[in-house]
PDB file of all heavy atoms in Angstrom:
ATOM      1  N   GLY A   1     -23.245  -2.783  27.208  1.00  0.00           N
ATOM      2  CA  GLY A   1     -22.720  -4.065  27.619  1.00  0.00           C
ATOM      3  C   GLY A   1     -21.387  -4.440  27.022  1.00  0.00           C
ATOM      4  O   GLY A   1     -20.895  -5.544  27.282  1.00  0.00           O
ATOM      5  N   LYS A   2     -20.787  -3.561  26.236  1.00  0.00           N
ATOM      6  CA  LYS A   2     -19.515  -3.853  25.601  1.00  0.00           C
ATOM      7  C   LYS A   2     -18.458  -2.846  26.030  1.00  0.00           C
ATOM      8  O   LYS A   2     -18.768  -1.751  26.475  1.00  0.00           O
ATOM      9  CB  LYS A   2     -19.657  -3.843  24.077  1.00  0.00           C
ATOM     10  CG  LYS A   2     -20.601  -4.896  23.522  1.00  0.00           C
ATOM     11  CD  LYS A   2     -20.632  -4.858  22.003  1.00  0.00           C
ATOM     12  CE  LYS A   2     -21.540  -5.914  21.432  1.00  0.00           C
ATOM     13  NZ  LYS A   2     -21.572  -5.868  19.942  1.00  0.00           N
ATOM     14  N   GLU A   3     -17.203  -3.245  25.881  1.00  0.00           N
ATOM     15  CA  GLU A   3     -16.105  -2.344  26.158  1.00  0.00           C
ATOM     16  C   GLU A   3     -15.935  -1.352  25.015  1.00  0.00           C
ATOM     17  O   GLU A   3     -16.410  -1.570  23.902  1.00  0.00           O
ATOM     18  CB  GLU A   3     -14.809  -3.130  26.363  1.00  0.00           C
ATOM     19  CG  GLU A   3     -14.826  -4.057  27.562  1.00  0.00           C
ATOM     20  CD  GLU A   3     -13.510  -4.778  27.748  1.00  0.00           C
ATOM     21  OE1 GLU A   3     -12.651  -4.702  26.858  1.00  0.00           O
ATOM     22  OE2 GLU A   3     -13.337  -5.421  28.797  1.00  0.00           O
ATOM     23  N   ARG A   4     -15.252  -0.279  25.314  1.00  0.00           N
ATOM     24  CA  ARG A   4     -14.958   0.683  24.263  1.00  0.00           C
ATOM     25  C   ARG A   4     -14.080   0.056  23.192  1.00  0.00           C
ATOM     26  O   ARG A   4     -13.104  -0.622  23.486  1.00  0.00           O
ATOM     27  CB  ARG A   4     -14.282   1.918  24.844  1.00  0.00           C
ATOM     28  CG  ARG A   4     -15.221   2.798  25.625  1.00  0.00           C
ATOM     29  CD  ARG A   4     -14.596   4.115  26.013  1.00  0.00           C
ATOM     30  NE  ARG A   4     -15.538   4.922  26.793  1.00  0.00           N
ATOM     31  CZ  ARG A   4     -15.298   6.135  27.238  1.00  0.00           C
ATOM     32  NH1 ARG A   4     -14.122   6.712  26.993  1.00  0.00           N
ATOM     33  NH2 ARG A   4     -16.213   6.788  27.932  1.00  0.00           N
ATOM     34  N   GLU A   5     -14.444   0.313  21.968  1.00  0.00           N
ATOM     35  CA  GLU A   5     -13.805  -0.288  20.818  1.00  0.00           C
ATOM     36  C   GLU A   5     -13.060   0.775  20.024  1.00  0.00           C
ATOM     37  O   GLU A   5     -13.628   1.813  19.676  1.00  0.00           O
ATOM     38  CB  GLU A   5     -14.856  -0.961  19.932  1.00  0.00           C
ATOM     39  CG  GLU A   5     -14.331  -1.531  18.626  1.00  0.00           C
ATOM     40  CD  GLU A   5     -15.447  -1.987  17.703  1.00  0.00           C
ATOM     41  OE1 GLU A   5     -16.622  -1.685  17.991  1.00  0.00           O
ATOM     42  OE2 GLU A   5     -15.139  -2.651  16.695  1.00  0.00           O
ATOM     43  N   PHE A   6     -11.812   0.498  19.718  1.00  0.00           N
ATOM     44  CA  PHE A   6     -11.024   1.405  18.897  1.00  0.00           C
ATOM     45  C   PHE A   6     -11.535   1.409  17.473  1.00  0.00           C
ATOM     46  O   PHE A   6     -11.812   0.354  16.896  1.00  0.00           O
ATOM     47  CB  PHE A   6      -9.550   0.999  18.915  1.00  0.00           C
ATOM     48  CG  PHE A   6      -8.722   1.726  17.903  1.00  0.00           C
ATOM     49  CD1 PHE A   6      -8.308   3.027  18.129  1.00  0.00           C
ATOM     50  CD2 PHE A   6      -8.354   1.116  16.714  1.00  0.00           C
ATOM     51  CE1 PHE A   6      -7.549   3.711  17.199  1.00  0.00           C
ATOM     52  CE2 PHE A   6      -7.590   1.783  15.781  1.00  0.00           C
ATOM     53  CZ  PHE A   6      -7.188   3.086  16.020  1.00  0.00           C
ATOM     54  N   LEU A   7     -11.626   2.594  16.896  1.00  0.00           N
ATOM     55  CA  LEU A   7     -12.071   2.743  15.521  1.00  0.00           C
ATOM     56  C   LEU A   7     -10.968   3.280  14.615  1.00  0.00           C
ATOM     57  O   LEU A   7     -10.676   2.699  13.567  1.00  0.00           O
ATOM     58  CB  LEU A   7     -13.273   3.681  15.443  1.00  0.00           C
ATOM     59  CG  LEU A   7     -14.506   3.262  16.231  1.00  0.00           C
ATOM     60  CD1 LEU A   7     -15.548   4.358  16.166  1.00  0.00           C
ATOM     61  CD2 LEU A   7     -15.051   1.945  15.703  1.00  0.00           C
ATOM     62  N   ALA A   8     -10.400   4.415  14.990  1.00  0.00           N
ATOM     63  CA  ALA A   8      -9.428   5.075  14.134  1.00  0.00           C
ATOM     64  C   ALA A   8      -8.646   6.080  14.954  1.00  0.00           C
ATOM     65  O   ALA A   8      -9.124   6.587  15.969  1.00  0.00           O
ATOM     66  CB  ALA A   8     -10.114   5.782  12.958  1.00  0.00           C
ATOM     67  N   ALA A   9      -7.438   6.381  14.507  1.00  0.00           N
ATOM     68  CA  ALA A   9      -6.610   7.379  15.160  1.00  0.00           C
ATOM     69  C   ALA A   9      -5.791   8.116  14.115  1.00  0.00           C
ATOM     70  O   ALA A   9      -5.500   7.577  13.039  1.00  0.00           O
ATOM     71  CB  ALA A   9      -5.687   6.739  16.197  1.00  0.00           C
ATOM     72  N   ILE A  10      -5.414   9.332  14.452  1.00  0.00           N
ATOM     73  CA  ILE A  10      -4.613  10.158  13.565  1.00  0.00           C
ATOM     74  C   ILE A  10      -3.585  10.904  14.398  1.00  0.00           C
ATOM     75  O   ILE A  10      -3.885  11.411  15.480  1.00  0.00           O
ATOM     76  CB  ILE A  10      -5.509  11.115  12.746  1.00  0.00           C
ATOM     77  CG1 ILE A  10      -4.698  11.870  11.691  1.00  0.00           C
ATOM     78  CG2 ILE A  10      -6.261  12.078  13.657  1.00  0.00           C
ATOM     79  CD1 ILE A  10      -5.582  12.574  10.661  1.00  0.00           C
ATOM     80  N   SER A  11      -2.353  10.969  13.912  1.00  0.00           N
ATOM     81  CA  SER A  11      -1.296  11.646  14.636  1.00  0.00           C
ATOM     82  C   SER A  11      -1.524  13.148  14.645  1.00  0.00           C
ATOM     83  O   SER A  11      -2.354  13.685  13.899  1.00  0.00           O
ATOM     84  CB  SER A  11       0.059  11.319  14.016  1.00  0.00           C
ATOM     85  OG  SER A  11       0.143  11.820  12.693  1.00  0.00           O
ATOM     86  N   TRP A  12      -0.764  13.834  15.487  1.00  0.00           N
ATOM     87  CA  TRP A  12      -0.991  15.276  15.627  1.00  0.00           C
ATOM     88  C   TRP A  12      -0.743  16.028  14.329  1.00  0.00           C
ATOM     89  O   TRP A  12      -1.372  17.072  14.084  1.00  0.00           O
ATOM     90  CB  TRP A  12      -0.132  15.851  16.754  1.00  0.00           C
ATOM     91  CG  TRP A  12       1.362  15.731  16.552  1.00  0.00           C
ATOM     92  CD1 TRP A  12       2.178  14.749  17.014  1.00  0.00           C
ATOM     93  CD2 TRP A  12       2.203  16.652  15.850  1.00  0.00           C
ATOM     94  NE1 TRP A  12       3.483  14.983  16.641  1.00  0.00           N
ATOM     95  CE2 TRP A  12       3.525  16.156  15.926  1.00  0.00           C
ATOM     96  CE3 TRP A  12       1.975  17.842  15.164  1.00  0.00           C
ATOM     97  CZ2 TRP A  12       4.610  16.801  15.341  1.00  0.00           C
ATOM     98  CZ3 TRP A  12       3.064  18.494  14.576  1.00  0.00           C
ATOM     99  CH2 TRP A  12       4.349  17.973  14.676  1.00  0.00           C
ATOM    100  N   SER A  13       0.165  15.550  13.494  1.00  0.00           N
ATOM    101  CA  SER A  13       0.439  16.203  12.218  1.00  0.00           C
ATOM    102  C   SER A  13      -0.504  15.748  11.111  1.00  0.00           C
ATOM    103  O   SER A  13      -0.552  16.372  10.052  1.00  0.00           O
ATOM    104  CB  SER A  13       1.873  15.937  11.782  1.00  0.00           C
ATOM    105  OG  SER A  13       2.054  14.576  11.430  1.00  0.00           O
ATOM    106  N   GLY A  14      -1.224  14.676  11.350  1.00  0.00           N
ATOM    107  CA  GLY A  14      -2.054  14.095  10.317  1.00  0.00           C
ATOM    108  C   GLY A  14      -1.317  13.188   9.365  1.00  0.00           C
ATOM    109  O   GLY A  14      -1.926  12.665   8.420  1.00  0.00           O
ATOM    110  N   SER A  15      -0.028  12.974   9.599  1.00  0.00           N
ATOM    111  CA  SER A  15       0.779  12.186   8.678  1.00  0.00           C
ATOM    112  C   SER A  15       0.576  10.686   8.834  1.00  0.00           C
ATOM    113  O   SER A  15       0.907   9.928   7.920  1.00  0.00           O
ATOM    114  CB  SER A  15       2.259  12.523   8.848  1.00  0.00           C
ATOM    115  OG  SER A  15       2.706  12.219  10.159  1.00  0.00           O
ATOM    116  N   SER A  16       0.074  10.263   9.967  1.00  0.00           N
ATOM    117  CA  SER A  16      -0.123   8.838  10.223  1.00  0.00           C
ATOM    118  C   SER A  16      -1.545   8.588  10.672  1.00  0.00           C
ATOM    119  O   SER A  16      -2.103   9.352  11.465  1.00  0.00           O
ATOM    120  CB  SER A  16       0.844   8.332  11.294  1.00  0.00           C
ATOM    121  OG  SER A  16       2.187   8.470  10.883  1.00  0.00           O
ATOM    122  N   THR A  17      -2.110   7.525  10.170  1.00  0.00           N
ATOM    123  CA  THR A  17      -3.442   7.100  10.585  1.00  0.00           C
ATOM    124  C   THR A  17      -3.436   5.605  10.846  1.00  0.00           C
ATOM    125  O   THR A  17      -2.589   4.871  10.343  1.00  0.00           O
ATOM    126  CB  THR A  17      -4.511   7.425   9.527  1.00  0.00           C
ATOM    127  OG1 THR A  17      -4.173   6.771   8.297  1.00  0.00           O
ATOM    128  CG2 THR A  17      -4.606   8.924   9.297  1.00  0.00           C
ATOM    129  N   ARG A  18      -4.388   5.168  11.624  1.00  0.00           N
ATOM    130  CA  ARG A  18      -4.563   3.755  11.901  1.00  0.00           C
ATOM    131  C   ARG A  18      -6.049   3.474  12.045  1.00  0.00           C
ATOM    132  O   ARG A  18      -6.794   4.276  12.611  1.00  0.00           O
ATOM    133  CB  ARG A  18      -3.818   3.343  13.166  1.00  0.00           C
ATOM    134  CG  ARG A  18      -3.934   1.858  13.511  1.00  0.00           C
ATOM    135  CD  ARG A  18      -3.140   1.515  14.757  1.00  0.00           C
ATOM    136  NE  ARG A  18      -1.700   1.636  14.527  1.00  0.00           N
ATOM    137  CZ  ARG A  18      -0.779   1.390  15.455  1.00  0.00           C
ATOM    138  NH1 ARG A  18      -1.153   1.016  16.680  1.00  0.00           N
ATOM    139  NH2 ARG A  18       0.505   1.527  15.165  1.00  0.00           N
ATOM    140  N   TYR A  19      -6.469   2.340  11.533  1.00  0.00           N
ATOM    141  CA  TYR A  19      -7.869   1.957  11.567  1.00  0.00           C
ATOM    142  C   TYR A  19      -8.027   0.553  12.125  1.00  0.00           C
ATOM    143  O   TYR A  19      -7.152  -0.297  11.957  1.00  0.00           O
ATOM    144  CB  TYR A  19      -8.475   1.982  10.162  1.00  0.00           C
ATOM    145  CG  TYR A  19      -8.545   3.340   9.519  1.00  0.00           C
ATOM    146  CD1 TYR A  19      -7.500   3.821   8.741  1.00  0.00           C
ATOM    147  CD2 TYR A  19      -9.667   4.145   9.686  1.00  0.00           C
ATOM    148  CE1 TYR A  19      -7.564   5.063   8.149  1.00  0.00           C
ATOM    149  CE2 TYR A  19      -9.742   5.388   9.094  1.00  0.00           C
ATOM    150  CZ  TYR A  19      -8.689   5.846   8.327  1.00  0.00           C
ATOM    151  OH  TYR A  19      -8.766   7.091   7.736  1.00  0.00           O
ATOM    152  N   ALA A  20      -9.156   0.338  12.756  1.00  0.00           N
ATOM    153  CA  ALA A  20      -9.537  -1.031  13.053  1.00  0.00           C
ATOM    154  C   ALA A  20      -9.722  -1.770  11.734  1.00  0.00           C
ATOM    155  O   ALA A  20     -10.292  -1.232  10.782  1.00  0.00           O
ATOM    156  CB  ALA A  20     -10.827  -1.058  13.871  1.00  0.00           C
ATOM    157  N   ASP A  21      -9.237  -3.002  11.687  1.00  0.00           N
ATOM    158  CA  ASP A  21      -9.263  -3.751  10.431  1.00  0.00           C
ATOM    159  C   ASP A  21     -10.665  -3.874   9.853  1.00  0.00           C
ATOM    160  O   ASP A  21     -10.853  -3.820   8.636  1.00  0.00           O
ATOM    161  CB  ASP A  21      -8.669  -5.149  10.638  1.00  0.00           C
ATOM    162  CG  ASP A  21      -7.178  -5.126  10.867  1.00  0.00           C
ATOM    163  OD1 ASP A  21      -6.529  -4.114  10.526  1.00  0.00           O
ATOM    164  OD2 ASP A  21      -6.642  -6.124  11.388  1.00  0.00           O
ATOM    165  N   SER A  22     -11.637  -4.024  10.716  1.00  0.00           N
ATOM    166  CA  SER A  22     -12.996  -4.241  10.248  1.00  0.00           C
ATOM    167  C   SER A  22     -13.630  -3.000   9.637  1.00  0.00           C
ATOM    168  O   SER A  22     -14.677  -3.108   8.988  1.00  0.00           O
ATOM    169  CB  SER A  22     -13.872  -4.738  11.401  1.00  0.00           C
ATOM    170  OG  SER A  22     -13.945  -3.768  12.432  1.00  0.00           O
ATOM    171  N   LEU A  23     -13.013  -1.840   9.816  1.00  0.00           N
ATOM    172  CA  LEU A  23     -13.607  -0.593   9.361  1.00  0.00           C
ATOM    173  C   LEU A  23     -12.968  -0.025   8.108  1.00  0.00           C
ATOM    174  O   LEU A  23     -13.510   0.929   7.525  1.00  0.00           O
ATOM    175  CB  LEU A  23     -13.522   0.466  10.459  1.00  0.00           C
ATOM    176  CG  LEU A  23     -14.197   0.120  11.785  1.00  0.00           C
ATOM    177  CD1 LEU A  23     -13.984   1.239  12.780  1.00  0.00           C
ATOM    178  CD2 LEU A  23     -15.674  -0.152  11.574  1.00  0.00           C
ATOM    179  N   LYS A  24     -11.844  -0.567   7.700  1.00  0.00           N
ATOM    180  CA  LYS A  24     -11.157  -0.019   6.539  1.00  0.00           C
ATOM    181  C   LYS A  24     -12.062  -0.055   5.316  1.00  0.00           C
ATOM    182  O   LYS A  24     -12.699  -1.052   5.025  1.00  0.00           O
ATOM    183  CB  LYS A  24      -9.871  -0.790   6.267  1.00  0.00           C
ATOM    184  CG  LYS A  24      -8.791  -0.543   7.297  1.00  0.00           C
ATOM    185  CD  LYS A  24      -7.506  -1.282   6.940  1.00  0.00           C
ATOM    186  CE  LYS A  24      -6.412  -0.988   7.945  1.00  0.00           C
ATOM    187  NZ  LYS A  24      -5.163  -1.726   7.627  1.00  0.00           N
ATOM    188  N   GLY A  25     -12.093   1.070   4.628  1.00  0.00           N
ATOM    189  CA  GLY A  25     -12.937   1.186   3.461  1.00  0.00           C
ATOM    190  C   GLY A  25     -14.287   1.793   3.738  1.00  0.00           C
ATOM    191  O   GLY A  25     -14.982   2.189   2.792  1.00  0.00           O
ATOM    192  N   ARG A  26     -14.697   1.857   4.999  1.00  0.00           N
ATOM    193  CA  ARG A  26     -15.972   2.466   5.367  1.00  0.00           C
ATOM    194  C   ARG A  26     -15.810   3.751   6.163  1.00  0.00           C
ATOM    195  O   ARG A  26     -16.580   4.689   5.993  1.00  0.00           O
ATOM    196  CB  ARG A  26     -16.830   1.494   6.179  1.00  0.00           C
ATOM    197  CG  ARG A  26     -17.317   0.287   5.413  1.00  0.00           C
ATOM    198  CD  ARG A  26     -18.534  -0.332   6.098  1.00  0.00           C
ATOM    199  NE  ARG A  26     -18.242  -0.748   7.468  1.00  0.00           N
ATOM    200  CZ  ARG A  26     -18.963  -0.401   8.535  1.00  0.00           C
ATOM    201  NH1 ARG A  26     -20.029   0.381   8.387  1.00  0.00           N
ATOM    202  NH2 ARG A  26     -18.641  -0.843   9.739  1.00  0.00           N
ATOM    203  N   PHE A  27     -14.831   3.793   7.044  1.00  0.00           N
ATOM    204  CA  PHE A  27     -14.625   4.962   7.903  1.00  0.00           C
ATOM    205  C   PHE A  27     -13.323   5.653   7.527  1.00  0.00           C
ATOM    206  O   PHE A  27     -12.328   4.995   7.199  1.00  0.00           O
ATOM    207  CB  PHE A  27     -14.542   4.557   9.378  1.00  0.00           C
ATOM    208  CG  PHE A  27     -15.844   4.117   9.996  1.00  0.00           C
ATOM    209  CD1 PHE A  27     -16.942   3.779   9.233  1.00  0.00           C
ATOM    210  CD2 PHE A  27     -15.950   4.041  11.381  1.00  0.00           C
ATOM    211  CE1 PHE A  27     -18.131   3.368   9.813  1.00  0.00           C
ATOM    212  CE2 PHE A  27     -17.131   3.630  11.973  1.00  0.00           C
ATOM    213  CZ  PHE A  27     -18.221   3.296  11.195  1.00  0.00           C
ATOM    214  N   THR A  28     -13.320   6.975   7.599  1.00  0.00           N
ATOM    215  CA  THR A  28     -12.145   7.760   7.288  1.00  0.00           C
ATOM    216  C   THR A  28     -11.955   8.832   8.347  1.00  0.00           C
ATOM    217  O   THR A  28     -12.887   9.590   8.637  1.00  0.00           O
ATOM    218  CB  THR A  28     -12.251   8.428   5.905  1.00  0.00           C
ATOM    219  OG1 THR A  28     -12.482   7.431   4.904  1.00  0.00           O
ATOM    220  CG2 THR A  28     -10.966   9.178   5.576  1.00  0.00           C
ATOM    221  N   ILE A  29     -10.762   8.903   8.908  1.00  0.00           N
ATOM    222  CA  ILE A  29     -10.446   9.920   9.900  1.00  0.00           C
ATOM    223  C   ILE A  29      -9.611  11.017   9.249  1.00  0.00           C
ATOM    224  O   ILE A  29      -8.774  10.750   8.380  1.00  0.00           O
ATOM    225  CB  ILE A  29      -9.707   9.315  11.112  1.00  0.00           C
ATOM    226  CG1 ILE A  29      -9.603  10.326  12.257  1.00  0.00           C
ATOM    227  CG2 ILE A  29      -8.342   8.779  10.723  1.00  0.00           C
ATOM    228  CD1 ILE A  29      -9.104   9.726  13.568  1.00  0.00           C
ATOM    229  N   SER A  30      -9.853  12.241   9.650  1.00  0.00           N
ATOM    230  CA  SER A  30      -9.081  13.375   9.170  1.00  0.00           C
ATOM    231  C   SER A  30      -9.082  14.451  10.239  1.00  0.00           C
ATOM    232  O   SER A  30      -9.845  14.376  11.207  1.00  0.00           O
ATOM    233  CB  SER A  30      -9.648  13.912   7.850  1.00  0.00           C
ATOM    234  OG  SER A  30     -10.975  14.382   8.027  1.00  0.00           O
ATOM    235  N   ARG A  31      -8.227  15.435  10.068  1.00  0.00           N
ATOM    236  CA  ARG A  31      -8.211  16.534  11.027  1.00  0.00           C
ATOM    237  C   ARG A  31      -7.879  17.834  10.332  1.00  0.00           C
ATOM    238  O   ARG A  31      -7.205  17.873   9.297  1.00  0.00           O
ATOM    239  CB  ARG A  31      -7.232  16.262  12.176  1.00  0.00           C
ATOM    240  CG  ARG A  31      -5.758  16.309  11.814  1.00  0.00           C
ATOM    241  CD  ARG A  31      -4.897  15.780  12.964  1.00  0.00           C
ATOM    242  NE  ARG A  31      -4.995  16.599  14.164  1.00  0.00           N
ATOM    243  CZ  ARG A  31      -4.574  16.217  15.374  1.00  0.00           C
ATOM    244  NH1 ARG A  31      -4.046  15.006  15.548  1.00  0.00           N
ATOM    245  NH2 ARG A  31      -4.690  17.038  16.416  1.00  0.00           N
ATOM    246  N   ASP A  32      -8.351  18.899  10.928  1.00  0.00           N
ATOM    247  CA  ASP A  32      -8.085  20.249  10.465  1.00  0.00           C
ATOM    248  C   ASP A  32      -7.574  21.011  11.674  1.00  0.00           C
ATOM    249  O   ASP A  32      -8.356  21.460  12.512  1.00  0.00           O
ATOM    250  CB  ASP A  32      -9.344  20.887   9.887  1.00  0.00           C
ATOM    251  CG  ASP A  32      -9.096  22.272   9.331  1.00  0.00           C
ATOM    252  OD1 ASP A  32      -8.039  22.867   9.602  1.00  0.00           O
ATOM    253  OD2 ASP A  32      -9.976  22.777   8.602  1.00  0.00           O
ATOM    254  N   ASN A  33      -6.269  21.147  11.762  1.00  0.00           N
ATOM    255  CA  ASN A  33      -5.684  21.772  12.942  1.00  0.00           C
ATOM    256  C   ASN A  33      -6.007  23.259  13.040  1.00  0.00           C
ATOM    257  O   ASN A  33      -5.990  23.821  14.138  1.00  0.00           O
ATOM    258  CB  ASN A  33      -4.171  21.564  12.954  1.00  0.00           C
ATOM    259  CG  ASN A  33      -3.791  20.146  13.297  1.00  0.00           C
ATOM    260  OD1 ASN A  33      -4.638  19.325  13.653  1.00  0.00           O
ATOM    261  ND2 ASN A  33      -2.500  19.832  13.194  1.00  0.00           N
ATOM    262  N   ASN A  34      -6.287  23.891  11.905  1.00  0.00           N
ATOM    263  CA  ASN A  34      -6.677  25.293  11.951  1.00  0.00           C
ATOM    264  C   ASN A  34      -8.005  25.487  12.662  1.00  0.00           C
ATOM    265  O   ASN A  34      -8.283  26.564  13.183  1.00  0.00           O
ATOM    266  CB  ASN A  34      -6.750  25.873  10.544  1.00  0.00           C
ATOM    267  CG  ASN A  34      -5.392  26.020   9.901  1.00  0.00           C
ATOM    268  OD1 ASN A  34      -4.386  26.236  10.575  1.00  0.00           O
ATOM    269  ND2 ASN A  34      -5.348  25.918   8.579  1.00  0.00           N
TER     270      ASN A  34
END
């Protein structure tokens, strides 16, 4: 019953991240391009 909610994003290099304000401190995004 709800719309899709943004949680976190990471740039292709991993140098930039962004989080939903309500999730900071609980969720962590990372990537392993290999």
